[in-house]
PDB file of N, CA and C in Angstrom:
ATOM      1  N   MET A   1       2.840   5.368  13.096  1.00  0.00           N
ATOM      2  CA  MET A   1       3.646   4.248  13.540  1.00  0.00           C
ATOM      3  C   MET A   1       3.685   4.264  15.064  1.00  0.00           C
ATOM      4  N   SER A   2       3.599   3.103  15.656  1.00  0.00           N
ATOM      5  CA  SER A   2       3.604   3.030  17.112  1.00  0.00           C
ATOM      6  C   SER A   2       5.032   2.991  17.651  1.00  0.00           C
ATOM      7  N   ASP A   3       5.133   2.987  18.960  1.00  0.00           N
ATOM      8  CA  ASP A   3       6.445   3.007  19.607  1.00  0.00           C
ATOM      9  C   ASP A   3       7.286   1.773  19.302  1.00  0.00           C
ATOM     10  N   ASN A   4       6.644   0.627  19.044  1.00  0.00           N
ATOM     11  CA  ASN A   4       7.407  -0.596  18.810  1.00  0.00           C
ATOM     12  C   ASN A   4       7.863  -0.741  17.360  1.00  0.00           C
ATOM     13  N   GLY A   5       7.591   0.230  16.518  1.00  0.00           N
ATOM     14  CA  GLY A   5       8.073   0.194  15.145  1.00  0.00           C
ATOM     15  C   GLY A   5       7.161  -0.537  14.183  1.00  0.00           C
ATOM     16  N   HIS A   6       5.968  -0.939  14.603  1.00  0.00           N
ATOM     17  CA  HIS A   6       5.025  -1.647  13.740  1.00  0.00           C
ATOM     18  C   HIS A   6       4.378  -0.658  12.770  1.00  0.00           C
ATOM     19  N   PHE A   7       4.396  -1.002  11.490  1.00  0.00           N
ATOM     20  CA  PHE A   7       3.782  -0.164  10.470  1.00  0.00           C
ATOM     21  C   PHE A   7       2.510  -0.840   9.989  1.00  0.00           C
ATOM     22  N   ASP A   8       1.379  -0.149  10.098  1.00  0.00           N
ATOM     23  CA  ASP A   8       0.099  -0.696   9.650  1.00  0.00           C
ATOM     24  C   ASP A   8      -0.207  -0.127   8.269  1.00  0.00           C
ATOM     25  N   PHE A   9       0.065  -0.931   7.239  1.00  0.00           N
ATOM     26  CA  PHE A   9      -0.118  -0.477   5.865  1.00  0.00           C
ATOM     27  C   PHE A   9      -1.572  -0.107   5.588  1.00  0.00           C
ATOM     28  N   LYS A  10      -2.503  -0.899   6.089  1.00  0.00           N
ATOM     29  CA  LYS A  10      -3.920  -0.627   5.833  1.00  0.00           C
ATOM     30  C   LYS A  10      -4.330   0.730   6.403  1.00  0.00           C
ATOM     31  N   LYS A  11      -3.917   1.032   7.623  1.00  0.00           N
ATOM     32  CA  LYS A  11      -4.252   2.330   8.221  1.00  0.00           C
ATOM     33  C   LYS A  11      -3.635   3.465   7.413  1.00  0.00           C
ATOM     34  N   HIS A  12      -2.399   3.266   6.990  1.00  0.00           N
ATOM     35  CA  HIS A  12      -1.727   4.278   6.171  1.00  0.00           C
ATOM     36  C   HIS A  12      -2.499   4.487   4.870  1.00  0.00           C
ATOM     37  N   TRP A  13      -2.864   3.402   4.210  1.00  0.00           N
ATOM     38  CA  TRP A  13      -3.578   3.472   2.934  1.00  0.00           C
ATOM     39  C   TRP A  13      -4.921   4.185   3.097  1.00  0.00           C
ATOM     40  N   LEU A  14      -5.668   3.817   4.122  1.00  0.00           N
ATOM     41  CA  LEU A  14      -6.990   4.401   4.321  1.00  0.00           C
ATOM     42  C   LEU A  14      -6.931   5.875   4.712  1.00  0.00           C
ATOM     43  N   ALA A  15      -5.807   6.318   5.229  1.00  0.00           N
ATOM     44  CA  ALA A  15      -5.649   7.727   5.599  1.00  0.00           C
ATOM     45  C   ALA A  15      -5.361   8.616   4.390  1.00  0.00           C
ATOM     46  N   LEU A  16      -4.997   8.014   3.256  1.00  0.00           N
ATOM     47  CA  LEU A  16      -4.691   8.787   2.053  1.00  0.00           C
ATOM     48  C   LEU A  16      -5.967   9.216   1.341  1.00  0.00           C
ATOM     49  N   THR A  17      -5.902  10.358   0.678  1.00  0.00           N
ATOM     50  CA  THR A  17      -7.015  10.795  -0.162  1.00  0.00           C
ATOM     51  C   THR A  17      -7.001   9.964  -1.443  1.00  0.00           C
ATOM     52  N   PRO A  18      -8.099   9.945  -2.195  1.00  0.00           N
ATOM     53  CA  PRO A  18      -8.099   9.202  -3.464  1.00  0.00           C
ATOM     54  C   PRO A  18      -6.973   9.616  -4.410  1.00  0.00           C
ATOM     55  N   ASP A  19      -6.686  10.898  -4.493  1.00  0.00           N
ATOM     56  CA  ASP A  19      -5.593  11.360  -5.355  1.00  0.00           C
ATOM     57  C   ASP A  19      -4.239  10.878  -4.839  1.00  0.00           C
ATOM     58  N   GLU A  20      -4.060  10.897  -3.520  1.00  0.00           N
ATOM     59  CA  GLU A  20      -2.809  10.406  -2.934  1.00  0.00           C
ATOM     60  C   GLU A  20      -2.654   8.905  -3.163  1.00  0.00           C
ATOM     61  N   ARG A  21      -3.765   8.178  -3.106  1.00  0.00           N
ATOM     62  CA  ARG A  21      -3.719   6.736  -3.367  1.00  0.00           C
ATOM     63  C   ARG A  21      -3.291   6.454  -4.800  1.00  0.00           C
ATOM     64  N   GLU A  22      -3.847   7.206  -5.744  1.00  0.00           N
ATOM     65  CA  GLU A  22      -3.472   7.036  -7.154  1.00  0.00           C
ATOM     66  C   GLU A  22      -1.987   7.318  -7.352  1.00  0.00           C
ATOM     67  N   ALA A  23      -1.502   8.401  -6.759  1.00  0.00           N
ATOM     68  CA  ALA A  23      -0.089   8.762  -6.899  1.00  0.00           C
ATOM     69  C   ALA A  23       0.805   7.706  -6.253  1.00  0.00           C
ATOM     70  N   PHE A  24       0.427   7.236  -5.078  1.00  0.00           N
ATOM     71  CA  PHE A  24       1.195   6.206  -4.377  1.00  0.00           C
ATOM     72  C   PHE A  24       1.266   4.937  -5.217  1.00  0.00           C
ATOM     73  N   ALA A  25       0.121   4.515  -5.744  1.00  0.00           N
ATOM     74  CA  ALA A  25       0.066   3.297  -6.553  1.00  0.00           C
ATOM     75  C   ALA A  25       0.887   3.439  -7.826  1.00  0.00           C
ATOM     76  N   GLN A  26       0.775   4.580  -8.475  1.00  0.00           N
ATOM     77  CA  GLN A  26       1.532   4.800  -9.713  1.00  0.00           C
ATOM     78  C   GLN A  26       3.030   4.743  -9.432  1.00  0.00           C
ATOM     79  N   GLU A  27       3.453   5.363  -8.353  1.00  0.00           N
ATOM     80  CA  GLU A  27       4.875   5.344  -7.990  1.00  0.00           C
ATOM     81  C   GLU A  27       5.348   3.921  -7.668  1.00  0.00           C
ATOM     82  N   ALA A  28       4.445   3.115  -7.112  1.00  0.00           N
ATOM     83  CA  ALA A  28       4.782   1.731  -6.767  1.00  0.00           C
ATOM     84  C   ALA A  28       4.718   0.798  -7.974  1.00  0.00           C
ATOM     85  N   GLY A  29       4.149   1.283  -9.073  1.00  0.00           N
ATOM     86  CA  GLY A  29       4.076   0.464 -10.278  1.00  0.00           C
ATOM     87  C   GLY A  29       2.850  -0.426 -10.345  1.00  0.00           C
ATOM     88  N   THR A  30       1.761   0.008  -9.727  1.00  0.00           N
ATOM     89  CA  THR A  30       0.520  -0.761  -9.750  1.00  0.00           C
ATOM     90  C   THR A  30      -0.657   0.205  -9.759  1.00  0.00           C
ATOM     91  N   THR A  31      -1.850  -0.296  -9.481  1.00  0.00           N
ATOM     92  CA  THR A  31      -3.031   0.562  -9.446  1.00  0.00           C
ATOM     93  C   THR A  31      -3.575   0.638  -8.023  1.00  0.00           C
ATOM     94  N   SER A  32      -4.319   1.699  -7.756  1.00  0.00           N
ATOM     95  CA  SER A  32      -4.918   1.831  -6.430  1.00  0.00           C
ATOM     96  C   SER A  32      -5.947   0.720  -6.207  1.00  0.00           C
ATOM     97  N   HIS A  33      -6.610   0.299  -7.278  1.00  0.00           N
ATOM     98  CA  HIS A  33      -7.587  -0.789  -7.159  1.00  0.00           C
ATOM     99  C   HIS A  33      -6.901  -2.091  -6.721  1.00  0.00           C
ATOM    100  N   TYR A  34      -5.757  -2.386  -7.306  1.00  0.00           N
ATOM    101  CA  TYR A  34      -5.018  -3.600  -6.933  1.00  0.00           C
ATOM    102  C   TYR A  34      -4.619  -3.548  -5.460  1.00  0.00           C
ATOM    103  N   ILE A  35      -4.108  -2.416  -5.023  1.00  0.00           N
ATOM    104  CA  ILE A  35      -3.702  -2.283  -3.619  1.00  0.00           C
ATOM    105  C   ILE A  35      -4.908  -2.464  -2.704  1.00  0.00           C
ATOM    106  N   GLN A  36      -6.006  -1.777  -3.018  1.00  0.00           N
ATOM    107  CA  GLN A  36      -7.205  -1.858  -2.186  1.00  0.00           C
ATOM    108  C   GLN A  36      -7.749  -3.284  -2.137  1.00  0.00           C
ATOM    109  N   THR A  37      -7.781  -3.954  -3.270  1.00  0.00           N
ATOM    110  CA  THR A  37      -8.369  -5.287  -3.354  1.00  0.00           C
ATOM    111  C   THR A  37      -7.492  -6.367  -2.744  1.00  0.00           C
ATOM    112  N   HIS A  38      -6.209  -6.343  -3.037  1.00  0.00           N
ATOM    113  CA  HIS A  38      -5.350  -7.466  -2.677  1.00  0.00           C
ATOM    114  C   HIS A  38      -4.419  -7.229  -1.495  1.00  0.00           C
ATOM    115  N   LEU A  39      -3.972  -6.021  -1.300  1.00  0.00           N
ATOM    116  CA  LEU A  39      -2.930  -5.799  -0.294  1.00  0.00           C
ATOM    117  C   LEU A  39      -3.450  -5.298   1.044  1.00  0.00           C
ATOM    118  N   THR A  40      -4.515  -4.501   1.055  1.00  0.00           N
ATOM    119  CA  THR A  40      -5.005  -4.006   2.341  1.00  0.00           C
ATOM    120  C   THR A  40      -5.713  -5.093   3.129  1.00  0.00           C
ATOM    121  N   GLY A  41      -6.233  -6.099   2.439  1.00  0.00           N
ATOM    122  CA  GLY A  41      -6.903  -7.202   3.124  1.00  0.00           C
ATOM    123  C   GLY A  41      -5.988  -8.372   3.400  1.00  0.00           C
ATOM    124  N   LYS A  42      -4.700  -8.201   3.122  1.00  0.00           N
ATOM    125  CA  LYS A  42      -3.692  -9.240   3.350  1.00  0.00           C
ATOM    126  C   LYS A  42      -4.024 -10.530   2.608  1.00  0.00           C
ATOM    127  N   ARG A  43      -4.563 -10.384   1.386  1.00  0.00           N
ATOM    128  CA  ARG A  43      -4.900 -11.557   0.591  1.00  0.00           C
ATOM    129  C   ARG A  43      -3.706 -12.068  -0.199  1.00  0.00           C
ATOM    130  N   LYS A  44      -2.806 -11.173  -0.535  1.00  0.00           N
ATOM    131  CA  LYS A  44      -1.644 -11.541  -1.344  1.00  0.00           C
ATOM    132  C   LYS A  44      -0.387 -10.944  -0.737  1.00  0.00           C
ATOM    133  N   MET A  45       0.712 -11.611  -0.987  1.00  0.00           N
ATOM    134  CA  MET A  45       2.020 -11.071  -0.628  1.00  0.00           C
ATOM    135  C   MET A  45       2.595 -10.482  -1.908  1.00  0.00           C
ATOM    136  N   PRO A  46       2.903  -9.191  -1.908  1.00  0.00           N
ATOM    137  CA  PRO A  46       3.447  -8.582  -3.125  1.00  0.00           C
ATOM    138  C   PRO A  46       4.763  -9.234  -3.525  1.00  0.00           C
ATOM    139  N   GLY A  47       4.988  -9.300  -4.837  1.00  0.00           N
ATOM    140  CA  GLY A  47       6.262  -9.789  -5.338  1.00  0.00           C
ATOM    141  C   GLY A  47       7.377  -8.810  -5.003  1.00  0.00           C
ATOM    142  N   LYS A  48       8.603  -9.217  -5.257  1.00  0.00           N
ATOM    143  CA  LYS A  48       9.766  -8.409  -4.872  1.00  0.00           C
ATOM    144  C   LYS A  48       9.750  -7.030  -5.523  1.00  0.00           C
ATOM    145  N   VAL A  49       9.447  -6.957  -6.813  1.00  0.00           N
ATOM    146  CA  VAL A  49       9.463  -5.672  -7.515  1.00  0.00           C
ATOM    147  C   VAL A  49       8.403  -4.741  -6.935  1.00  0.00           C
ATOM    148  N   LEU A  50       7.188  -5.248  -6.738  1.00  0.00           N
ATOM    149  CA  LEU A  50       6.127  -4.417  -6.175  1.00  0.00           C
ATOM    150  C   LEU A  50       6.443  -4.042  -4.734  1.00  0.00           C
ATOM    151  N   MET A  51       6.968  -4.969  -3.967  1.00  0.00           N
ATOM    152  CA  MET A  51       7.318  -4.677  -2.573  1.00  0.00           C
ATOM    153  C   MET A  51       8.339  -3.546  -2.508  1.00  0.00           C
ATOM    154  N   ASN A  52       9.322  -3.583  -3.392  1.00  0.00           N
ATOM    155  CA  ASN A  52      10.309  -2.500  -3.435  1.00  0.00           C
ATOM    156  C   ASN A  52       9.647  -1.180  -3.796  1.00  0.00           C
ATOM    157  N   GLY A  53       8.665  -1.208  -4.683  1.00  0.00           N
ATOM    158  CA  GLY A  53       7.952   0.008  -5.052  1.00  0.00           C
ATOM    159  C   GLY A  53       7.108   0.554  -3.918  1.00  0.00           C
ATOM    160  N   LEU A  54       6.537  -0.334  -3.130  1.00  0.00           N
ATOM    161  CA  LEU A  54       5.682   0.089  -2.017  1.00  0.00           C
ATOM    162  C   LEU A  54       6.488   0.681  -0.874  1.00  0.00           C
ATOM    163  N   PHE A  55       7.693   0.147  -0.657  1.00  0.00           N
ATOM    164  CA  PHE A  55       8.502   0.608   0.461  1.00  0.00           C
ATOM    165  C   PHE A  55       9.810   1.100  -0.049  1.00  0.00           C
TER     166      PHE A  55
END
């Protein structure tokens, strides 16, 4: 995270190992494939339930 408080989700996601990505996705209530495909490229805005799981 930078000094201005900006959080780069894509950088965070790409820094995780494949096992960490699976665990993160499972805890968030989705799959690592869904996150990689839809959320890291800013193609979709997660719904409220998923957003709460991610953060």
